[in-house]
Protein backbone atom coordinates (compact mmCIF):
# COMPACT_ATOMS: atom_id res chain seq x y z
CA MET A 1 8.25 2.80 -12.32
CA ARG A 2 4.75 4.28 -12.97
CA VAL A 3 1.66 2.37 -14.15
CA ALA A 4 -1.74 3.77 -15.10
CA VAL A 5 -4.63 2.17 -13.18
CA SER A 6 -8.17 2.13 -14.45
CA HIS A 7 -9.61 -1.35 -14.19
CA ALA A 8 -9.05 -4.64 -12.24
CA ASP A 9 -6.70 -6.01 -14.85
CA ASP A 10 -4.27 -3.27 -13.90
CA VAL A 11 -4.03 -4.48 -10.36
CA ALA A 12 -2.70 -7.84 -11.43
CA LEU A 13 -0.17 -5.94 -13.75
CA ILE A 14 0.88 -3.78 -10.87
CA ARG A 15 1.51 -6.86 -8.80
CA CYS A 16 3.73 -8.51 -11.40
CA ASP A 17 5.50 -5.40 -12.16
CA ALA A 18 6.24 -4.77 -8.51
CA ARG A 19 7.69 -8.27 -8.04
CA THR A 20 9.84 -7.86 -11.11
CA TYR A 21 10.99 -4.26 -10.04
CA GLY A 22 11.88 -5.67 -6.61
CA GLU A 23 14.02 -8.32 -8.25
CA LEU A 24 15.80 -5.79 -10.32
CA LEU A 25 16.54 -3.94 -7.00
CA GLY A 26 17.95 -7.09 -5.53
CA PHE A 27 15.16 -7.97 -3.09
CA CYS A 28 14.62 -11.54 -1.85
CA ALA A 29 11.47 -13.37 -2.57
CA GLU A 30 9.72 -12.50 0.76
CA GLU A 31 10.66 -8.85 0.26
CA ARG A 32 9.28 -8.88 -3.38
CA SER A 33 6.02 -10.34 -2.15
CA GLU A 34 5.55 -7.68 0.50
CA VAL A 35 6.28 -4.95 -2.14
CA ALA A 36 3.77 -6.64 -4.46
CA ILE A 37 1.14 -6.74 -1.80
CA VAL A 38 1.43 -3.07 -0.94
CA ALA A 39 1.43 -2.02 -4.67
CA SER A 40 -1.60 -4.11 -5.42
CA GLU A 41 -3.58 -2.92 -2.54
CA LEU A 42 -2.93 0.64 -3.47
CA ALA A 43 -3.81 -0.03 -6.98
CA SER A 44 -7.03 -1.89 -6.01
CA ASN A 45 -8.10 1.22 -4.09
CA VAL A 46 -7.55 3.39 -7.14
CA VAL A 47 -9.87 0.91 -9.13
CA LYS A 48 -12.50 0.71 -6.42
CA TYR A 49 -12.66 4.29 -5.18
CA GLY A 50 -11.00 6.60 -7.65
CA VAL A 51 -12.09 7.74 -11.22
CA SER A 52 -8.62 7.52 -12.66
CA GLY A 53 -5.05 7.28 -11.28
CA HIS A 54 -1.73 5.53 -11.33
CA VAL A 55 0.67 3.80 -8.98
CA GLU A 56 4.36 4.78 -8.90
CA ILE A 57 7.19 2.82 -7.29
CA LEU A 58 10.48 4.54 -6.57
CA PRO A 59 13.69 3.15 -4.88
CA VAL A 60 14.70 4.58 -1.50
CA ARG A 61 18.45 4.67 -1.13
CA SER A 62 21.00 5.07 1.58
CA GLY A 63 24.12 5.86 -0.20
CA GLU A 64 24.41 3.37 -3.05
CA ARG A 65 22.38 0.78 -1.29
CA VAL A 66 18.65 0.31 -2.05
CA ILE A 67 17.02 0.04 1.30
CA GLY A 68 13.34 0.01 0.24
CA VAL A 69 10.75 1.61 -1.94
CA LYS A 70 8.15 4.37 -1.79
CA ILE A 71 4.78 3.34 -3.38
CA ASP A 72 2.32 6.00 -4.31
CA GLY A 73 -1.24 5.42 -5.18
CA TRP A 74 -2.59 8.47 -6.95
CA ASP A 75 -6.25 8.96 -7.86
CA VAL A 76 -8.95 11.42 -8.71
CA GLY A 77 -12.13 10.61 -6.82
CA PRO A 78 -14.03 11.13 -3.57
CA PRO A 79 -11.87 12.31 -0.62
CA PHE A 80 -11.18 10.26 2.49
CA HIS A 81 -13.31 11.41 5.37
CA ASP A 82 -11.08 9.64 7.95
CA PHE A 83 -7.89 8.11 6.80
CA ASP A 84 -6.67 6.71 10.12
CA LEU A 85 -10.14 4.97 10.56
CA ALA A 86 -10.00 3.58 6.98
CA CYS A 87 -6.49 1.94 7.96
CA LEU A 88 -8.09 -0.13 10.61
CA ASP A 89 -9.08 -3.70 9.72
CA GLY A 90 -12.80 -3.98 9.21
CA HIS A 91 -13.38 -0.19 8.70
CA ASP A 92 -13.69 2.24 5.90
CA ASP A 93 -13.31 5.93 6.08
CA LEU A 94 -16.74 6.37 7.64
CA GLY A 95 -16.56 3.56 10.36
CA ARG A 96 -16.92 0.00 11.10
CA ILE A 97 -18.12 -2.20 8.27
CA ASP A 98 -21.39 -4.01 8.84
CA PRO A 99 -20.65 -7.73 8.01
CA ALA A 100 -24.21 -7.99 6.64
CA THR A 101 -23.21 -5.55 3.80
CA MET A 102 -19.98 -7.41 2.66
CA SER A 103 -21.43 -8.96 -0.41
CA THR A 104 -22.63 -5.50 -1.84
CA ARG A 105 -19.45 -3.58 -0.87
CA LYS A 106 -16.31 -2.71 -2.94
CA GLY A 107 -14.20 -4.11 -0.14
CA PHE A 108 -14.08 -5.58 3.38
CA GLY A 109 -11.75 -2.96 5.01
CA GLY A 110 -8.52 -4.94 5.09
CA GLY A 111 -6.32 -3.41 2.44
CA LEU A 112 -5.04 -0.26 4.08
CA GLY A 113 -4.56 -2.19 7.33
CA ALA A 114 -2.27 -4.75 5.55
CA VAL A 115 -0.29 -1.80 3.89
CA ARG A 116 0.10 -0.14 7.26
CA ARG A 117 1.42 -3.39 8.91
CA LEU A 118 3.87 -4.03 6.03
CA CYS A 119 5.23 -0.51 5.80
CA GLU A 120 7.27 1.70 8.01
CA SER A 121 4.85 4.57 7.27
CA VAL A 122 1.64 5.25 5.34
CA ARG A 123 0.18 8.71 4.85
CA LEU A 124 -2.38 10.45 2.76
CA GLU A 125 -2.19 13.73 0.92
CA GLN A 126 -5.34 15.14 -0.67
CA ASN A 127 -6.37 18.35 -2.26
CA GLY A 128 -9.95 18.42 -3.41
CA SER A 129 -10.61 15.37 -5.37
CA ALA A 130 -6.96 14.51 -6.01
CA LYS A 131 -5.37 12.26 -3.41
CA CYS A 132 -2.31 10.20 -2.84
CA VAL A 133 -1.73 7.38 -0.43
CA SER A 134 2.08 7.10 0.00
CA ALA A 135 3.69 4.00 1.61
CA LEU A 136 7.29 3.68 2.65
CA TRP A 137 8.46 0.07 2.67
CA LEU A 138 11.91 -0.38 4.06
CA ARG A 139 14.17 -3.55 3.94
CA TYR A 140 15.93 -2.67 7.06
CA ALA A 141 14.46 -0.64 9.96
CA VAL A 142 16.80 2.01 11.25
CA GLY A 143 18.67 0.63 14.34
CA LYS A 144 16.86 -2.86 14.09
CA ARG A 145 17.64 -6.21 12.70
CA VAL A 146 15.13 -7.40 10.01
CA GLU A 147 14.04 -10.33 12.38
CA GLU A 148 13.21 -7.88 15.06
CA ARG A 149 11.08 -5.87 12.75
CA ARG A 150 9.22 -8.85 11.31
CA TYR A 151 8.52 -10.09 14.98
CA ALA A 152 7.05 -6.57 15.75
CA ARG A 153 4.85 -6.86 12.74
CA ALA A 154 3.67 -10.42 13.54
CA SER A 155 2.94 -9.46 17.15
CA GLY A 156 0.62 -6.66 16.02
CA ASP A 157 2.84 -3.65 16.71
CA GLN A 158 1.16 -0.99 14.63
CA ARG A 159 4.17 1.55 15.02
């Protein structure tokens, strides 16, 4: 599934499409919600910081079974200076966000942190002004039960 992203209305569309796609893949309500959060956060970043872009959601399979999705947020715009820093809550790619500037900013620095907590991996590929934030969301962590994985997330395990 691929959806073009250029304005805020597209973020809501991506969120709905991600839920529907998750349902088609057989995900439960909680899983569909997690996929929708990741997709909408990546779409929101495309709108806020990119000039143009799209979000793509692809199934991840193990044999015939769908075990997750890969969600890519592609855009053309300014490059990330420090992606790992941008993935910390309360930070952007340049450093800690001053709370006094919250009302004038495009975001408050929580989106990529949420994506990182919900996903098994989040990475950045960039080449000049083109970039892709790629998130891998898995239903089943390899060698772990789902409950153990959720506990690790809730306890702040950043993997």
